[in-house]
Protein backbone atom coordinates (compact mmCIF):
# COMPACT_ATOMS: atom_id res chain seq x y z
CA MET A 1 6.44 -0.61 37.79
CA ALA A 2 6.12 2.88 39.01
CA LEU A 3 3.79 3.73 35.91
CA LEU A 4 1.58 0.63 36.68
CA ALA A 5 1.30 1.99 40.57
CA LEU A 6 0.13 5.34 39.06
CA LEU A 7 -2.32 4.24 37.18
CA CYS A 8 -3.87 2.19 39.87
CA ALA A 9 -3.66 5.08 41.96
CA ALA A 10 -5.58 7.09 39.48
CA ALA A 11 -7.98 4.42 39.16
CA LEU A 12 -8.47 4.52 42.59
CA ALA A 13 -9.09 8.28 43.08
CA ALA A 14 -11.49 8.37 40.24
CA LEU A 15 -13.38 5.23 41.90
CA ALA A 16 -13.28 7.16 45.09
CA ARG A 17 -15.16 10.19 43.83
CA GLY A 18 -17.39 8.20 41.16
CA THR A 19 -17.40 9.06 37.78
CA ILE A 20 -19.32 12.28 36.62
CA PRO A 21 -22.60 11.04 34.90
CA PRO A 22 -23.78 12.77 31.50
CA PRO A 23 -25.59 15.81 31.85
CA GLU A 24 -28.66 14.78 30.06
CA GLU A 25 -29.28 11.95 32.86
CA ALA A 26 -30.71 14.84 35.35
CA ALA A 27 -31.37 12.39 38.24
CA ARG A 28 -28.13 10.99 38.38
CA MET A 29 -26.41 13.99 37.83
CA ALA A 30 -28.06 15.45 40.96
CA ARG A 31 -27.18 12.47 43.12
CA PHE A 32 -23.32 12.93 41.87
CA VAL A 33 -23.52 16.82 42.73
CA LEU A 34 -25.14 16.51 46.16
CA HIS A 35 -22.67 13.25 47.01
CA ASN A 36 -19.69 15.26 46.19
CA CYS A 37 -20.37 18.82 47.64
CA ASP A 38 -19.81 19.46 51.65
CA TRP A 39 -22.22 22.89 51.54
CA GLY A 40 -24.88 24.40 50.15
CA ALA A 41 -27.15 27.58 50.03
CA LEU A 42 -30.54 26.84 51.92
CA ALA A 43 -33.09 29.94 50.90
CA THR A 44 -35.81 30.89 53.43
CA LEU A 45 -38.64 33.33 53.67
CA SER A 46 -37.42 35.26 56.50
CA ALA A 47 -39.66 35.79 59.46
CA GLN A 48 -37.46 38.36 61.18
CA GLU A 49 -38.49 41.72 61.98
CA GLY A 50 -37.44 44.06 59.28
CA LEU A 51 -36.99 41.17 56.51
CA ARG A 52 -40.41 39.57 57.03
CA GLY A 53 -41.33 37.87 53.85
CA ARG A 54 -38.18 38.46 52.04
CA PRO A 55 -35.82 36.10 50.78
CA PHE A 56 -33.18 34.92 52.98
CA ALA A 57 -30.30 32.69 51.81
CA ASN A 58 -27.59 30.67 54.38
CA ILE A 59 -24.49 28.68 53.64
CA PHE A 60 -24.80 25.35 55.65
CA SER A 61 -23.06 21.89 55.58
CA ILE A 62 -24.72 18.85 53.86
CA SER A 63 -24.55 15.54 53.60
CA ASP A 64 -26.40 12.08 51.83
CA GLY A 65 -24.44 9.51 53.55
CA PRO A 66 -21.20 8.42 54.43
CA PRO A 67 -18.54 9.64 51.58
CA GLY A 68 -17.46 7.28 49.15
CA PRO A 69 -18.92 5.78 46.38
CA GLY A 70 -22.69 3.89 46.96
CA GLY A 71 -22.57 5.88 50.37
CA GLY A 72 -24.99 8.58 49.28
CA SER A 73 -28.78 8.37 49.94
CA GLY A 74 -29.65 11.32 47.11
CA VAL A 75 -31.31 13.40 50.14
CA PRO A 76 -29.85 16.10 51.41
CA TYR A 77 -29.40 16.12 55.07
CA LEU A 78 -28.56 19.48 57.15
CA TYR A 79 -27.41 19.30 60.67
CA LEU A 80 -29.27 22.54 62.28
CA THR A 81 -29.56 24.24 65.45
CA ASP A 82 -32.40 26.31 66.57
CA MET A 83 -30.49 29.38 67.37
CA GLU A 84 -29.97 29.86 63.51
CA ILE A 85 -31.63 32.74 61.96
CA SER A 86 -32.52 30.28 59.03
CA VAL A 87 -34.07 27.46 61.15
CA GLN A 88 -36.34 30.43 62.91
CA ASP A 89 -37.60 31.21 59.77
CA LEU A 90 -38.23 27.36 58.77
CA GLU A 91 -40.16 27.30 61.94
CA ILE A 92 -42.97 29.65 60.57
CA ASN A 93 -42.50 28.15 57.14
CA SER A 94 -40.86 25.26 56.47
CA ASN A 95 -40.74 25.83 52.76
CA ALA A 96 -37.28 26.48 51.40
CA SER A 97 -34.70 25.80 48.48
CA LEU A 98 -31.24 24.40 48.61
CA THR A 99 -28.72 25.15 45.97
CA VAL A 100 -25.47 22.99 45.53
CA SER A 101 -22.66 23.44 42.98
CA LEU A 102 -19.79 21.55 41.77
CA ALA A 103 -17.71 24.79 41.91
CA GLN A 104 -16.86 23.91 45.48
CA THR A 105 -15.36 20.74 44.21
CA PRO A 106 -12.04 20.57 42.27
CA TYR A 107 -13.90 19.15 39.29
CA CYS A 108 -14.47 23.03 37.49
CA LYS A 109 -11.20 24.47 38.36
CA LYS A 110 -9.81 21.23 36.64
CA HIS A 111 -11.77 21.61 33.60
CA ARG A 112 -11.00 25.02 33.69
CA TYR A 113 -15.26 25.64 34.11
CA ASP A 114 -16.43 29.00 35.29
CA PRO A 115 -19.02 28.18 38.18
CA GLN A 116 -21.81 29.80 36.09
CA ASN A 117 -20.97 27.37 33.02
CA PRO A 118 -23.67 24.73 33.04
CA LEU A 119 -20.95 22.32 32.39
CA CYS A 120 -20.05 23.02 36.27
CA ALA A 121 -23.38 21.43 37.44
CA HIS A 122 -25.71 22.82 40.09
CA ILE A 123 -28.87 21.72 41.34
CA ILE A 124 -31.66 23.44 43.18
CA PHE A 125 -34.10 21.37 45.18
CA CYS A 126 -37.30 23.36 46.36
CA GLY A 127 -39.77 21.99 48.99
CA SER A 128 -40.14 21.51 52.84
CA ILE A 129 -37.70 21.28 55.29
CA VAL A 130 -38.40 18.41 57.75
CA LYS A 131 -36.88 17.61 61.31
CA VAL A 132 -35.47 14.23 61.11
CA SER A 133 -34.94 13.02 65.29
CA GLY A 134 -32.21 10.52 66.42
CA GLY A 135 -28.93 11.17 67.44
CA LYS A 136 -27.30 8.20 65.78
CA LEU A 137 -28.66 9.44 61.98
CA ALA A 138 -26.44 12.56 62.79
CA LEU A 139 -23.45 10.72 63.99
CA ASP A 140 -23.63 8.32 60.80
CA LEU A 141 -24.15 11.42 58.69
CA PHE A 142 -22.02 14.11 59.93
CA GLY A 143 -19.70 11.93 62.27
CA HIS A 144 -16.64 11.82 59.86
């Protein structure tokens, strides 16, 4: 009976995290990485005096929707303030990249993958950051 309970608990835990997709399914892998990570490195082109035009990276909390299977949208959202240096950079130039890695999850440690090992998947989004309005969206994404 204890073995059955242990197996059920393990199955539920795997279901809650979702099963990692095969590496060759890039879009599914990207959604999996994004959904299972809590933070990423956002790189901008600095608009700050002394750094103007140079790359500048900062760590931010991210979300793609409510936690759990089926809760993610595949779209990264960042909860930002105008007081943050990177946001000031984005007000001048909205182009940025966002890097997210499974190294921050137990997955890579469990499999003894070095964070630079390709099997410890990471993704890099490149594009423009756009401001999303609406307090309810922020609470839905980050209020957990």
